[in-house]
Amino acid sequence: MSLKTRYEFTLPRGYVDRDGGLHRDGVMRLATARDELEPLRDPTISGPDDPRLTIVVLARVVETLGSLDLVTPHDIEGLFAADLAYLQDFYGVINFGSQEEFDEFVAAQQGAGPLPGSEPVVAAPIPAEVPDEVPTPVLSRPGRASIEEIRTEAR
């Protein structure tokens, strides 16, 4: 039995490119240690708490998005907030979650129903070989909390 390394997803809203094209379906691959370490060497990243780190890491692991064959940090920056949050959660569950957590994530996305003008989220299953307990990832939910703290401080 081989390890599944690529997972299909559908964004809740979708990325709108500069020509007005909508891109919702994509593929994310499992992250490697290099995917989490290399962005820390990027001179535009100030450290592990830099919110831009999330953008750079996601651009490395999102292999396709709609008709985009190459997903760049600029494309990830152009996502609606709901789609960025979705990709952060999707990253966390496919890289660090158990099969149970993945199933709950997919069920929650499907149970919430689509956002207005959207279709339901559909994702591929995680293989059983993924360990239940792993170290906290760079793109964990606590990382998203720092974004929420910035919003709170700005008010």
C-alpha atoms as a PDB file:
ATOM      1  CA  MET A   1       0.000   0.000   0.000  1.00  0.00           C
ATOM      2  CA  SER A   2       1.425   3.362  -0.968  1.00  0.00           C
ATOM      3  CA  LEU A   3       1.162   6.662   0.863  1.00  0.00           C
ATOM      4  CA  LYS A   4      -1.187   9.182  -0.691  1.00  0.00           C
ATOM      5  CA  THR A   5       0.688  12.464  -1.173  1.00  0.00           C
ATOM      6  CA  ARG A   6      -1.719  14.597  -3.237  1.00  0.00           C
ATOM      7  CA  TYR A   7      -5.213  15.717  -2.228  1.00  0.00           C
ATOM      8  CA  GLU A   8      -7.891  17.419  -4.280  1.00  0.00           C
ATOM      9  CA  PHE A   9      -9.843  20.314  -2.804  1.00  0.00           C
ATOM     10  CA  THR A  10     -12.511  22.815  -3.773  1.00  0.00           C
ATOM     11  CA  LEU A  11     -12.287  26.337  -2.378  1.00  0.00           C
ATOM     12  CA  PRO A  12     -15.434  27.738  -0.777  1.00  0.00           C
ATOM     13  CA  ARG A  13     -15.364  30.901  -2.923  1.00  0.00           C
ATOM     14  CA  GLY A  14     -12.512  30.563  -5.408  1.00  0.00           C
ATOM     15  CA  TYR A  15      -9.591  32.600  -6.684  1.00  0.00           C
ATOM     16  CA  VAL A  16     -10.454  35.276  -9.246  1.00  0.00           C
ATOM     17  CA  ASP A  17      -7.529  35.934 -11.585  1.00  0.00           C
ATOM     18  CA  ARG A  18      -6.774  39.297 -13.220  1.00  0.00           C
ATOM     19  CA  ASP A  19      -8.880  38.357 -16.256  1.00  0.00           C
ATOM     20  CA  GLY A  20     -11.898  37.566 -14.063  1.00  0.00           C
ATOM     21  CA  GLY A  21     -11.495  33.768 -14.342  1.00  0.00           C
ATOM     22  CA  LEU A  22     -12.673  31.779 -11.322  1.00  0.00           C
ATOM     23  CA  HIS A  23     -10.441  28.962 -10.012  1.00  0.00           C
ATOM     24  CA  ARG A  24     -11.896  26.725  -7.271  1.00  0.00           C
ATOM     25  CA  ASP A  25     -10.618  23.165  -7.736  1.00  0.00           C
ATOM     26  CA  GLY A  26      -7.033  22.377  -6.907  1.00  0.00           C
ATOM     27  CA  VAL A  27      -4.492  19.888  -5.685  1.00  0.00           C
ATOM     28  CA  MET A  28      -2.353  20.192  -2.569  1.00  0.00           C
ATOM     29  CA  ARG A  29       0.532  17.851  -1.871  1.00  0.00           C
ATOM     30  CA  LEU A  30       1.889  16.802   1.485  1.00  0.00           C
ATOM     31  CA  ALA A  31       4.522  19.214   2.769  1.00  0.00           C
ATOM     32  CA  THR A  32       8.139  18.265   3.189  1.00  0.00           C
ATOM     33  CA  ALA A  33      10.500  19.595   5.837  1.00  0.00           C
ATOM     34  CA  ARG A  34      12.058  21.727   3.089  1.00  0.00           C
ATOM     35  CA  ASP A  35       8.651  23.309   2.368  1.00  0.00           C
ATOM     36  CA  GLU A  36       8.514  24.583   5.944  1.00  0.00           C
ATOM     37  CA  LEU A  37      12.205  25.467   6.318  1.00  0.00           C
ATOM     38  CA  GLU A  38      13.112  27.140   3.003  1.00  0.00           C
ATOM     39  CA  PRO A  39      10.637  30.020   3.391  1.00  0.00           C
ATOM     40  CA  LEU A  40      12.349  30.950   6.667  1.00  0.00           C
ATOM     41  CA  ARG A  41      15.441  31.772   4.561  1.00  0.00           C
ATOM     42  CA  ASP A  42      13.400  34.126   2.372  1.00  0.00           C
ATOM     43  CA  PRO A  43      14.544  37.713   3.070  1.00  0.00           C
ATOM     44  CA  THR A  44      10.912  38.917   2.985  1.00  0.00           C
ATOM     45  CA  ILE A  45      10.053  36.616   5.920  1.00  0.00           C
ATOM     46  CA  SER A  46      10.977  38.090   9.324  1.00  0.00           C
ATOM     47  CA  GLY A  47      10.634  34.823  11.273  1.00  0.00           C
ATOM     48  CA  PRO A  48       8.336  31.945  12.175  1.00  0.00           C
ATOM     49  CA  ASP A  49       5.582  34.312  13.361  1.00  0.00           C
ATOM     50  CA  ASP A  50       5.520  36.340  10.131  1.00  0.00           C
ATOM     51  CA  PRO A  51       2.004  36.004   8.608  1.00  0.00           C
ATOM     52  CA  ARG A  52       3.584  35.976   5.122  1.00  0.00           C
ATOM     53  CA  LEU A  53       5.168  32.612   5.978  1.00  0.00           C
ATOM     54  CA  THR A  54       1.752  30.987   5.560  1.00  0.00           C
ATOM     55  CA  ILE A  55       1.450  32.478   2.065  1.00  0.00           C
ATOM     56  CA  VAL A  56       4.866  31.246   0.944  1.00  0.00           C
ATOM     57  CA  VAL A  57       4.402  27.729   2.337  1.00  0.00           C
ATOM     58  CA  LEU A  58       0.954  27.356   0.757  1.00  0.00           C
ATOM     59  CA  ALA A  59       2.330  28.518  -2.600  1.00  0.00           C
ATOM     60  CA  ARG A  60       4.883  25.696  -2.376  1.00  0.00           C
ATOM     61  CA  VAL A  61       2.361  22.924  -1.652  1.00  0.00           C
ATOM     62  CA  VAL A  62      -0.655  23.971  -3.740  1.00  0.00           C
ATOM     63  CA  GLU A  63       0.289  22.345  -7.032  1.00  0.00           C
ATOM     64  CA  THR A  64      -2.650  23.462  -9.137  1.00  0.00           C
ATOM     65  CA  LEU A  65      -5.610  25.767  -8.770  1.00  0.00           C
ATOM     66  CA  GLY A  66      -8.166  25.727 -11.556  1.00  0.00           C
ATOM     67  CA  SER A  67      -6.304  26.265 -14.810  1.00  0.00           C
ATOM     68  CA  LEU A  68      -3.228  27.664 -13.027  1.00  0.00           C
ATOM     69  CA  ASP A  69      -0.373  25.204 -13.431  1.00  0.00           C
ATOM     70  CA  LEU A  70       1.915  27.229 -11.185  1.00  0.00           C
ATOM     71  CA  VAL A  71       0.532  28.755  -8.008  1.00  0.00           C
ATOM     72  CA  THR A  72       2.597  31.694  -6.738  1.00  0.00           C
ATOM     73  CA  PRO A  73       2.619  33.611  -3.457  1.00  0.00           C
ATOM     74  CA  HIS A  74       0.911  36.434  -5.389  1.00  0.00           C
ATOM     75  CA  ASP A  75      -1.963  34.064  -6.257  1.00  0.00           C
ATOM     76  CA  ILE A  76      -2.304  32.919  -2.626  1.00  0.00           C
ATOM     77  CA  GLU A  77      -2.305  36.570  -1.480  1.00  0.00           C
ATOM     78  CA  GLY A  78      -5.198  37.168  -3.870  1.00  0.00           C
ATOM     79  CA  LEU A  79      -7.444  34.585  -2.216  1.00  0.00           C
ATOM     80  CA  PHE A  80     -10.507  35.646  -0.288  1.00  0.00           C
ATOM     81  CA  ALA A  81     -10.041  35.294   3.483  1.00  0.00           C
ATOM     82  CA  ALA A  82     -12.442  32.320   3.618  1.00  0.00           C
ATOM     83  CA  ASP A  83     -10.364  30.482   1.015  1.00  0.00           C
ATOM     84  CA  LEU A  84      -7.078  31.224   2.772  1.00  0.00           C
ATOM     85  CA  ALA A  85      -8.535  29.932   6.052  1.00  0.00           C
ATOM     86  CA  TYR A  86      -9.800  26.835   4.244  1.00  0.00           C
ATOM     87  CA  LEU A  87      -6.348  26.122   2.744  1.00  0.00           C
ATOM     88  CA  GLN A  88      -4.670  26.600   6.144  1.00  0.00           C
ATOM     89  CA  ASP A  89      -7.069  24.117   7.727  1.00  0.00           C
ATOM     90  CA  PHE A  90      -6.755  21.717   4.785  1.00  0.00           C
ATOM     91  CA  TYR A  91      -2.942  21.894   5.030  1.00  0.00           C
ATOM     92  CA  GLY A  92      -3.092  21.111   8.735  1.00  0.00           C
ATOM     93  CA  VAL A  93      -5.454  18.172   8.422  1.00  0.00           C
ATOM     94  CA  ILE A  94      -3.707  16.457   5.493  1.00  0.00           C
ATOM     95  CA  ASN A  95      -0.226  16.936   6.961  1.00  0.00           C
ATOM     96  CA  PHE A  96      -0.831  16.502  10.672  1.00  0.00           C
ATOM     97  CA  GLY A  97      -4.334  15.209  11.254  1.00  0.00           C
ATOM     98  CA  SER A  98      -5.622  11.728  11.862  1.00  0.00           C
ATOM     99  CA  GLN A  99      -8.063  10.050   9.507  1.00  0.00           C
ATOM    100  CA  GLU A 100     -10.780  10.862  12.035  1.00  0.00           C
ATOM    101  CA  GLU A 101      -9.893  14.567  12.019  1.00  0.00           C
ATOM    102  CA  PHE A 102      -9.831  14.586   8.232  1.00  0.00           C
ATOM    103  CA  ASP A 103     -13.251  12.933   8.069  1.00  0.00           C
ATOM    104  CA  GLU A 104     -14.617  15.515  10.546  1.00  0.00           C
ATOM    105  CA  PHE A 105     -13.130  18.342   8.459  1.00  0.00           C
ATOM    106  CA  VAL A 106     -14.711  17.070   5.245  1.00  0.00           C
ATOM    107  CA  ALA A 107     -18.052  16.460   6.973  1.00  0.00           C
ATOM    108  CA  ALA A 108     -18.026  19.955   8.479  1.00  0.00           C
ATOM    109  CA  GLN A 109     -17.302  21.517   5.109  1.00  0.00           C
ATOM    110  CA  GLN A 110     -20.074  19.559   3.440  1.00  0.00           C
ATOM    111  CA  GLY A 111     -22.508  20.104   6.340  1.00  0.00           C
ATOM    112  CA  ALA A 112     -21.942  23.850   6.371  1.00  0.00           C
ATOM    113  CA  GLY A 113     -23.193  24.051   2.837  1.00  0.00           C
ATOM    114  CA  PRO A 114     -21.640  26.164   0.135  1.00  0.00           C
ATOM    115  CA  LEU A 115     -21.119  29.883   0.453  1.00  0.00           C
ATOM    116  CA  PRO A 116     -23.499  31.907  -1.714  1.00  0.00           C
ATOM    117  CA  GLY A 117     -22.602  31.315  -5.341  1.00  0.00           C
ATOM    118  CA  SER A 118     -20.427  28.300  -4.464  1.00  0.00           C
ATOM    119  CA  GLU A 119     -20.572  24.514  -4.563  1.00  0.00           C
ATOM    120  CA  PRO A 120     -19.855  22.143  -1.622  1.00  0.00           C
ATOM    121  CA  VAL A 121     -16.256  21.296  -0.722  1.00  0.00           C
ATOM    122  CA  VAL A 122     -15.082  17.838  -1.742  1.00  0.00           C
ATOM    123  CA  ALA A 123     -11.768  16.351  -0.637  1.00  0.00           C
ATOM    124  CA  ALA A 124      -9.937  13.059  -1.025  1.00  0.00           C
ATOM    125  CA  PRO A 125      -9.335  10.820   2.050  1.00  0.00           C
ATOM    126  CA  ILE A 126      -6.117  10.657   4.025  1.00  0.00           C
ATOM    127  CA  PRO A 127      -4.421   7.253   4.155  1.00  0.00           C
ATOM    128  CA  ALA A 128      -4.498   5.316   7.435  1.00  0.00           C
ATOM    129  CA  GLU A 129      -0.676   5.454   7.717  1.00  0.00           C
ATOM    130  CA  VAL A 130      -0.685   9.097   8.869  1.00  0.00           C
ATOM    131  CA  PRO A 131       0.289   9.121  12.587  1.00  0.00           C
ATOM    132  CA  ASP A 132      -2.226  10.379  15.147  1.00  0.00           C
ATOM    133  CA  GLU A 133       0.210  12.604  17.035  1.00  0.00           C
ATOM    134  CA  VAL A 134       2.818  14.812  15.366  1.00  0.00           C
ATOM    135  CA  PRO A 135       4.638  18.054  16.192  1.00  0.00           C
ATOM    136  CA  THR A 136       2.790  21.364  15.786  1.00  0.00           C
ATOM    137  CA  PRO A 137       3.087  22.521  12.166  1.00  0.00           C
ATOM    138  CA  VAL A 138       4.163  25.925  10.918  1.00  0.00           C
ATOM    139  CA  LEU A 139       0.654  26.350   9.474  1.00  0.00           C
ATOM    140  CA  SER A 140      -1.300  25.250  12.508  1.00  0.00           C
ATOM    141  CA  ARG A 141      -4.486  26.864  13.733  1.00  0.00           C
ATOM    142  CA  PRO A 142      -2.450  28.827  16.315  1.00  0.00           C
ATOM    143  CA  GLY A 143      -0.745  30.514  13.314  1.00  0.00           C
ATOM    144  CA  ARG A 144      -4.140  31.691  12.179  1.00  0.00           C
ATOM    145  CA  ALA A 145      -4.804  33.015  15.667  1.00  0.00           C
ATOM    146  CA  SER A 146      -1.977  35.515  15.135  1.00  0.00           C
ATOM    147  CA  ILE A 147      -3.875  36.858  12.123  1.00  0.00           C
ATOM    148  CA  GLU A 148      -6.977  37.178  14.295  1.00  0.00           C
ATOM    149  CA  GLU A 149      -4.921  39.019  16.935  1.00  0.00           C
ATOM    150  CA  ILE A 150      -3.748  41.500  14.303  1.00  0.00           C
ATOM    151  CA  ARG A 151      -7.361  42.128  13.291  1.00  0.00           C
ATOM    152  CA  THR A 152      -8.353  42.657  16.939  1.00  0.00           C
ATOM    153  CA  GLU A 153      -5.473  45.082  17.562  1.00  0.00           C
ATOM    154  CA  ALA A 154      -6.379  47.073  14.439  1.00  0.00           C
ATOM    155  CA  ARG A 155      -9.893  47.805  15.777  1.00  0.00           C
END
